[in-house]
PDB file of N, CA and C in Angstrom:
ATOM      1  N   MET A   1     120.245 161.312  97.135  1.00  0.00           N
ATOM      2  CA  MET A   1     119.525 159.857  97.446  1.00  0.00           C
ATOM      3  C   MET A   1     120.259 159.354  98.727  1.00  0.00           C
ATOM      4  N   TYR A   2     119.463 158.801  99.429  1.00  0.00           N
ATOM      5  CA  TYR A   2     119.943 158.205 100.638  1.00  0.00           C
ATOM      6  C   TYR A   2     120.282 156.823 100.372  1.00  0.00           C
ATOM      7  N   LYS A   3     121.224 156.094 101.128  1.00  0.00           N
ATOM      8  CA  LYS A   3     121.395 154.888 100.940  1.00  0.00           C
ATOM      9  C   LYS A   3     120.081 153.882 101.485  1.00  0.00           C
ATOM     10  N   ARG A   4     119.641 152.932 100.437  1.00  0.00           N
ATOM     11  CA  ARG A   4     118.767 152.191 100.887  1.00  0.00           C
ATOM     12  C   ARG A   4     118.931 151.179 102.233  1.00  0.00           C
ATOM     13  N   GLY A   5     117.803 151.263 102.963  1.00  0.00           N
ATOM     14  CA  GLY A   5     117.882 150.548 103.881  1.00  0.00           C
ATOM     15  C   GLY A   5     118.342 151.523 105.486  1.00  0.00           C
ATOM     16  N   PHE A   6     118.631 152.609 105.162  1.00  0.00           N
ATOM     17  CA  PHE A   6     119.520 153.535 106.411  1.00  0.00           C
ATOM     18  C   PHE A   6     118.235 153.773 107.429  1.00  0.00           C
ATOM     19  N   GLY A   7     116.874 153.624 107.159  1.00  0.00           N
ATOM     20  CA  GLY A   7     116.070 153.440 108.305  1.00  0.00           C
ATOM     21  C   GLY A   7     116.334 152.275 109.310  1.00  0.00           C
ATOM     22  N   LYS A   8     116.704 151.114 108.782  1.00  0.00           N
ATOM     23  CA  LYS A   8     117.113 149.990 109.672  1.00  0.00           C
ATOM     24  C   LYS A   8     118.342 150.389 110.647  1.00  0.00           C
ATOM     25  N   ILE A   9     119.012 151.063 109.559  1.00  0.00           N
ATOM     26  CA  ILE A   9     120.554 151.591 110.873  1.00  0.00           C
ATOM     27  C   ILE A   9     120.398 152.098 111.558  1.00  0.00           C
ATOM     28  N   LEU A  10     119.203 153.442 111.619  1.00  0.00           N
ATOM     29  CA  LEU A  10     118.827 154.247 112.392  1.00  0.00           C
ATOM     30  C   LEU A  10     118.267 153.597 113.564  1.00  0.00           C
ATOM     31  N   LYS A  11     117.585 152.483 113.177  1.00  0.00           N
ATOM     32  CA  LYS A  11     116.811 151.540 114.565  1.00  0.00           C
ATOM     33  C   LYS A  11     117.905 151.066 115.236  1.00  0.00           C
ATOM     34  N   TYR A  12     118.712 150.424 114.524  1.00  0.00           N
ATOM     35  CA  TYR A  12     119.672 149.654 115.293  1.00  0.00           C
ATOM     36  C   TYR A  12     120.593 150.606 115.940  1.00  0.00           C
ATOM     37  N   GLU A  13     120.762 151.784 115.522  1.00  0.00           N
ATOM     38  CA  GLU A  13     121.593 152.544 116.173  1.00  0.00           C
ATOM     39  C   GLU A  13     121.008 153.311 117.425  1.00  0.00           C
ATOM     40  N   ARG A  14     119.467 153.343 117.291  1.00  0.00           N
ATOM     41  CA  ARG A  14     118.938 153.938 118.294  1.00  0.00           C
ATOM     42  C   ARG A  14     118.713 152.777 119.604  1.00  0.00           C
ATOM     43  N   LYS A  15     118.409 151.857 118.987  1.00  0.00           N
ATOM     44  CA  LYS A  15     118.331 150.281 120.184  1.00  0.00           C
ATOM     45  C   LYS A  15     119.856 150.142 120.903  1.00  0.00           C
ATOM     46  N   SER A  16     120.877 150.252 120.248  1.00  0.00           N
ATOM     47  CA  SER A  16     122.143 150.030 120.769  1.00  0.00           C
ATOM     48  C   SER A  16     122.490 151.270 121.730  1.00  0.00           C
ATOM     49  N   TRP A  17     121.804 152.344 121.608  1.00  0.00           N
ATOM     50  CA  TRP A  17     121.630 153.409 123.063  1.00  0.00           C
ATOM     51  C   TRP A  17     120.675 153.066 124.071  1.00  0.00           C
ATOM     52  N   GLY A  18     119.853 152.067 123.796  1.00  0.00           N
ATOM     53  CA  GLY A  18     118.791 151.688 124.703  1.00  0.00           C
ATOM     54  C   GLY A  18     117.475 152.850 124.493  1.00  0.00           C
ATOM     55  N   MET A  19     117.523 153.324 123.652  1.00  0.00           N
ATOM     56  CA  MET A  19     116.464 154.428 123.653  1.00  0.00           C
ATOM     57  C   MET A  19     115.520 154.290 122.719  1.00  0.00           C
ATOM     58  N   SER A  20     114.183 154.841 123.524  1.00  0.00           N
ATOM     59  CA  SER A  20     112.785 154.457 122.925  1.00  0.00           C
ATOM     60  C   SER A  20     112.847 155.422 121.684  1.00  0.00           C
ATOM     61  N   ARG A  21     111.600 155.039 120.793  1.00  0.00           N
ATOM     62  CA  ARG A  21     111.400 155.932 119.769  1.00  0.00           C
ATOM     63  C   ARG A  21     111.015 157.495 120.226  1.00  0.00           C
ATOM     64  N   ARG A  22     110.321 157.466 121.225  1.00  0.00           N
ATOM     65  CA  ARG A  22     109.638 158.858 121.644  1.00  0.00           C
ATOM     66  C   ARG A  22     111.038 159.626 122.384  1.00  0.00           C
ATOM     67  N   ARG A  23     111.889 158.958 123.092  1.00  0.00           N
ATOM     68  CA  ARG A  23     112.965 159.866 123.573  1.00  0.00           C
ATOM     69  C   ARG A  23     113.979 160.387 122.461  1.00  0.00           C
ATOM     70  N   LEU A  24     114.019 159.694 121.249  1.00  0.00           N
ATOM     71  CA  LEU A  24     114.881 159.995 120.207  1.00  0.00           C
ATOM     72  C   LEU A  24     114.257 161.108 119.381  1.00  0.00           C
ATOM     73  N   ALA A  25     112.720 160.690 119.133  1.00  0.00           N
ATOM     74  CA  ALA A  25     112.096 162.047 118.478  1.00  0.00           C
ATOM     75  C   ALA A  25     112.001 163.561 119.365  1.00  0.00           C
ATOM     76  N   LYS A  26     111.931 163.258 120.608  1.00  0.00           N
ATOM     77  CA  LYS A  26     112.118 164.526 121.597  1.00  0.00           C
ATOM     78  C   LYS A  26     113.306 165.043 121.383  1.00  0.00           C
ATOM     79  N   LEU A  27     114.540 164.423 121.451  1.00  0.00           N
ATOM     80  CA  LEU A  27     115.955 164.974 121.471  1.00  0.00           C
ATOM     81  C   LEU A  27     116.090 165.403 119.916  1.00  0.00           C
ATOM     82  N   SER A  28     115.727 164.770 118.907  1.00  0.00           N
ATOM     83  CA  SER A  28     115.860 165.268 117.580  1.00  0.00           C
ATOM     84  C   SER A  28     114.797 166.411 117.360  1.00  0.00           C
ATOM     85  N   HIS A  29     114.129 166.649 118.003  1.00  0.00           N
ATOM     86  CA  HIS A  29     113.090 167.842 117.687  1.00  0.00           C
ATOM     87  C   HIS A  29     112.117 167.250 116.412  1.00  0.00           C
ATOM     88  N   ILE A  30     111.788 166.015 116.415  1.00  0.00           N
ATOM     89  CA  ILE A  30     110.830 165.681 115.195  1.00  0.00           C
ATOM     90  C   ILE A  30     109.624 164.898 115.812  1.00  0.00           C
ATOM     91  N   GLU A  31     108.561 164.694 115.104  1.00  0.00           N
ATOM     92  CA  GLU A  31     107.455 163.965 115.450  1.00  0.00           C
ATOM     93  C   GLU A  31     107.856 162.612 115.844  1.00  0.00           C
ATOM     94  N   ILE A  32     107.003 161.954 116.505  1.00  0.00           N
ATOM     95  CA  ILE A  32     107.473 160.416 116.609  1.00  0.00           C
ATOM     96  C   ILE A  32     107.093 159.647 115.439  1.00  0.00           C
ATOM     97  N   ASP A  33     105.646 159.816 115.037  1.00  0.00           N
ATOM     98  CA  ASP A  33     105.436 159.587 113.682  1.00  0.00           C
ATOM     99  C   ASP A  33     106.085 159.443 112.425  1.00  0.00           C
ATOM    100  N   ASP A  34     106.868 160.840 112.513  1.00  0.00           N
ATOM    101  CA  ASP A  34     107.849 161.192 111.755  1.00  0.00           C
ATOM    102  C   ASP A  34     109.206 159.899 111.653  1.00  0.00           C
ATOM    103  N   LEU A  35     109.682 159.808 112.765  1.00  0.00           N
ATOM    104  CA  LEU A  35     110.751 158.833 113.282  1.00  0.00           C
ATOM    105  C   LEU A  35     110.176 157.352 112.740  1.00  0.00           C
ATOM    106  N   ILE A  36     108.782 156.982 113.401  1.00  0.00           N
ATOM    107  CA  ILE A  36     108.639 155.729 112.699  1.00  0.00           C
ATOM    108  C   ILE A  36     108.633 155.536 111.064  1.00  0.00           C
ATOM    109  N   ASP A  37     107.962 156.503 110.628  1.00  0.00           N
ATOM    110  CA  ASP A  37     108.024 156.394 109.051  1.00  0.00           C
ATOM    111  C   ASP A  37     109.473 156.191 108.399  1.00  0.00           C
ATOM    112  N   ILE A  38     110.482 156.924 109.104  1.00  0.00           N
ATOM    113  CA  ILE A  38     111.815 156.554 108.550  1.00  0.00           C
ATOM    114  C   ILE A  38     112.326 155.330 108.844  1.00  0.00           C
ATOM    115  N   GLU A  39     111.973 154.986 110.197  1.00  0.00           N
ATOM    116  CA  GLU A  39     112.537 153.588 110.527  1.00  0.00           C
ATOM    117  C   GLU A  39     111.918 152.446 109.878  1.00  0.00           C
ATOM    118  N   THR A  40     110.838 152.560 109.640  1.00  0.00           N
ATOM    119  CA  THR A  40     109.823 151.584 108.900  1.00  0.00           C
ATOM    120  C   THR A  40     110.220 151.666 107.401  1.00  0.00           C
ATOM    121  N   GLY A  41     111.094 152.762 106.877  1.00  0.00           N
ATOM    122  CA  GLY A  41     110.904 152.646 105.223  1.00  0.00           C
ATOM    123  C   GLY A  41     109.661 153.258 104.698  1.00  0.00           C
ATOM    124  N   LYS A  42     108.664 153.858 105.570  1.00  0.00           N
ATOM    125  CA  LYS A  42     107.561 154.563 104.779  1.00  0.00           C
ATOM    126  C   LYS A  42     108.085 155.930 104.250  1.00  0.00           C
ATOM    127  N   ASN A  43     108.962 156.636 104.772  1.00  0.00           N
ATOM    128  CA  ASN A  43     109.617 157.904 104.455  1.00  0.00           C
ATOM    129  C   ASN A  43     111.260 157.480 104.094  1.00  0.00           C
ATOM    130  N   ILE A  44     111.466 157.483 102.776  1.00  0.00           N
ATOM    131  CA  ILE A  44     112.995 157.073 102.430  1.00  0.00           C
ATOM    132  C   ILE A  44     113.679 158.506 102.063  1.00  0.00           C
ATOM    133  N   THR A  45     113.074 159.568 102.165  1.00  0.00           N
ATOM    134  CA  THR A  45     113.659 160.728 101.689  1.00  0.00           C
ATOM    135  C   THR A  45     113.132 161.838 102.835  1.00  0.00           C
ATOM    136  N   PRO A  46     113.652 161.526 104.116  1.00  0.00           N
ATOM    137  CA  PRO A  46     113.350 162.929 105.250  1.00  0.00           C
ATOM    138  C   PRO A  46     114.222 164.066 104.691  1.00  0.00           C
ATOM    139  N   SER A  47     113.808 165.038 105.374  1.00  0.00           N
ATOM    140  CA  SER A  47     114.593 166.314 105.003  1.00  0.00           C
ATOM    141  C   SER A  47     116.159 166.072 105.388  1.00  0.00           C
ATOM    142  N   PHE A  48     116.962 166.584 105.011  1.00  0.00           N
ATOM    143  CA  PHE A  48     118.480 166.421 105.419  1.00  0.00           C
ATOM    144  C   PHE A  48     118.687 166.914 106.833  1.00  0.00           C
ATOM    145  N   PHE A  49     117.998 168.164 107.092  1.00  0.00           N
ATOM    146  CA  PHE A  49     117.827 168.311 108.470  1.00  0.00           C
ATOM    147  C   PHE A  49     117.672 167.624 109.601  1.00  0.00           C
ATOM    148  N   VAL A  50     116.432 167.252 109.177  1.00  0.00           N
ATOM    149  CA  VAL A  50     115.814 165.824 110.024  1.00  0.00           C
ATOM    150  C   VAL A  50     117.095 164.876 110.536  1.00  0.00           C
ATOM    151  N   LEU A  51     117.475 164.177 109.290  1.00  0.00           N
ATOM    152  CA  LEU A  51     118.471 163.471 109.353  1.00  0.00           C
ATOM    153  C   LEU A  51     119.467 163.770 110.205  1.00  0.00           C
ATOM    154  N   LEU A  52     119.971 165.077 109.891  1.00  0.00           N
ATOM    155  CA  LEU A  52     121.301 165.603 110.821  1.00  0.00           C
ATOM    156  C   LEU A  52     120.850 165.717 112.199  1.00  0.00           C
ATOM    157  N   ASN A  53     119.722 165.991 112.780  1.00  0.00           N
ATOM    158  CA  ASN A  53     119.176 166.003 114.274  1.00  0.00           C
ATOM    159  C   ASN A  53     119.553 164.733 114.642  1.00  0.00           C
ATOM    160  N   ILE A  54     118.849 163.809 114.137  1.00  0.00           N
ATOM    161  CA  ILE A  54     118.848 162.570 114.503  1.00  0.00           C
ATOM    162  C   ILE A  54     120.123 161.862 114.510  1.00  0.00           C
ATOM    163  N   CYS A  55     121.266 162.059 113.475  1.00  0.00           N
ATOM    164  CA  CYS A  55     122.592 161.508 113.605  1.00  0.00           C
ATOM    165  C   CYS A  55     123.254 162.499 114.806  1.00  0.00           C
ATOM    166  N   GLU A  56     122.952 163.634 115.088  1.00  0.00           N
ATOM    167  CA  GLU A  56     123.734 164.203 116.131  1.00  0.00           C
ATOM    168  C   GLU A  56     123.197 163.647 117.772  1.00  0.00           C
ATOM    169  N   VAL A  57     121.893 163.161 117.817  1.00  0.00           N
ATOM    170  CA  VAL A  57     121.564 162.644 118.884  1.00  0.00           C
ATOM    171  C   VAL A  57     122.397 161.391 119.060  1.00  0.00           C
ATOM    172  N   LEU A  58     122.284 160.626 118.151  1.00  0.00           N
ATOM    173  CA  LEU A  58     122.842 159.101 118.156  1.00  0.00           C
ATOM    174  C   LEU A  58     124.407 159.200 118.026  1.00  0.00           C
ATOM    175  N   GLU A  59     125.029 160.393 117.695  1.00  0.00           N
ATOM    176  CA  GLU A  59     126.680 160.455 117.553  1.00  0.00           C
ATOM    177  C   GLU A  59     127.028 159.457 116.298  1.00  0.00           C
ATOM    178  N   ILE A  60     126.219 159.512 115.097  1.00  0.00           N
ATOM    179  CA  ILE A  60     126.792 159.015 113.945  1.00  0.00           C
ATOM    180  C   ILE A  60     126.822 159.659 112.889  1.00  0.00           C
ATOM    181  N   SER A  61     127.581 159.552 111.945  1.00  0.00           N
ATOM    182  CA  SER A  61     127.752 160.646 110.866  1.00  0.00           C
ATOM    183  C   SER A  61     126.680 160.308 109.903  1.00  0.00           C
ATOM    184  N   ALA A  62     126.218 161.468 109.498  1.00  0.00           N
ATOM    185  CA  ALA A  62     125.416 161.652 108.432  1.00  0.00           C
ATOM    186  C   ALA A  62     125.630 160.666 107.285  1.00  0.00           C
ATOM    187  N   PHE A  63     126.924 161.510 107.014  1.00  0.00           N
ATOM    188  CA  PHE A  63     127.801 160.917 105.795  1.00  0.00           C
ATOM    189  C   PHE A  63     127.820 159.303 105.790  1.00  0.00           C
ATOM    190  N   GLU A  64     128.185 158.498 106.745  1.00  0.00           N
ATOM    191  CA  GLU A  64     128.309 157.363 106.588  1.00  0.00           C
ATOM    192  C   GLU A  64     126.943 156.523 106.436  1.00  0.00           C
ATOM    193  N   LEU A  65     125.936 157.402 107.359  1.00  0.00           N
ATOM    194  CA  LEU A  65     124.425 156.874 107.138  1.00  0.00           C
ATOM    195  C   LEU A  65     123.932 156.909 105.656  1.00  0.00           C
ATOM    196  N   VAL A  66     124.544 157.970 105.253  1.00  0.00           N
ATOM    197  CA  VAL A  66     123.822 158.218 103.847  1.00  0.00           C
ATOM    198  C   VAL A  66     124.459 157.521 102.650  1.00  0.00           C
ATOM    199  N   ASN A  67     125.799 157.290 102.911  1.00  0.00           N
ATOM    200  CA  ASN A  67     126.276 156.534 101.865  1.00  0.00           C
ATOM    201  C   ASN A  67     126.915 155.018 102.367  1.00  0.00           C
ATOM    202  N   GLY A  68     126.752 154.953 103.662  1.00  0.00           N
ATOM    203  CA  GLY A  68     127.048 153.357 104.204  1.00  0.00           C
ATOM    204  C   GLY A  68     128.511 153.138 104.078  1.00  0.00           C
ATOM    205  N   ASN A  69     128.940 152.566 105.284  1.00  0.00           N
ATOM    206  CA  ASN A  69     130.438 151.926 105.586  1.00  0.00           C
ATOM    207  C   ASN A  69     130.325 150.602 105.857  1.00  0.00           C
ATOM    208  N   THR A  70     131.227 149.868 106.111  1.00  0.00           N
ATOM    209  CA  THR A  70     131.346 148.228 106.058  1.00  0.00           C
ATOM    210  C   THR A  70     130.513 147.907 107.303  1.00  0.00           C
ATOM    211  N   THR A  71     130.405 148.569 108.198  1.00  0.00           N
ATOM    212  CA  THR A  71     129.719 148.050 109.545  1.00  0.00           C
ATOM    213  C   THR A  71     128.070 147.986 109.116  1.00  0.00           C
ATOM    214  N   MET A  72     127.898 149.012 108.416  1.00  0.00           N
ATOM    215  CA  MET A  72     126.516 149.426 108.266  1.00  0.00           C
ATOM    216  C   MET A  72     125.936 148.525 107.026  1.00  0.00           C
ATOM    217  N   ASN A  73     126.880 148.079 105.996  1.00  0.00           N
ATOM    218  CA  ASN A  73     126.768 147.460 104.814  1.00  0.00           C
ATOM    219  C   ASN A  73     126.361 145.882 105.342  1.00  0.00           C
ATOM    220  N   GLU A  74     126.728 145.793 106.383  1.00  0.00           N
ATOM    221  CA  GLU A  74     126.851 144.028 107.256  1.00  0.00           C
ATOM    222  C   GLU A  74     125.544 144.161 107.702  1.00  0.00           C
ATOM    223  N   LEU A  75     125.130 145.315 108.536  1.00  0.00           N
ATOM    224  CA  LEU A  75     123.626 145.325 108.860  1.00  0.00           C
ATOM    225  C   LEU A  75     122.635 144.998 107.684  1.00  0.00           C
ATOM    226  N   LEU A  76     122.983 145.805 106.954  1.00  0.00           N
ATOM    227  CA  LEU A  76     121.798 145.798 105.700  1.00  0.00           C
ATOM    228  C   LEU A  76     121.861 144.194 105.140  1.00  0.00           C
ATOM    229  N   LYS A  77     122.733 143.528 104.978  1.00  0.00           N
ATOM    230  CA  LYS A  77     122.843 142.082 104.550  1.00  0.00           C
ATOM    231  C   LYS A  77     122.125 141.258 105.489  1.00  0.00           C
ATOM    232  N   GLN A  78     122.023 141.554 106.398  1.00  0.00           N
ATOM    233  CA  GLN A  78     120.901 140.825 107.577  1.00  0.00           C
ATOM    234  C   GLN A  78     119.437 140.826 107.139  1.00  0.00           C
ATOM    235  N   GLU A  79     118.953 141.336 106.323  1.00  0.00           N
ATOM    236  CA  GLU A  79     117.775 141.519 105.604  1.00  0.00           C
ATOM    237  C   GLU A  79     116.796 140.282 105.617  1.00  0.00           C
TER     238      GLU A  79
END
């Protein structure tokens, strides 16, 4: 099971790169609609391989995304 709110973390990381959803979707080899669903929380269980592709592009750890870390936990508290 993925950490609650990981879509918000992905969105935060994507924006910190100054990257559009379209660009991230293209680089991750996924459909933009799938990325939107993940970021907005409509899809809370994307395949692990989709998650790995996104994390590779954003240069973040899939482990930290799934389990959370201090920085990411702080982001989630801003809800």
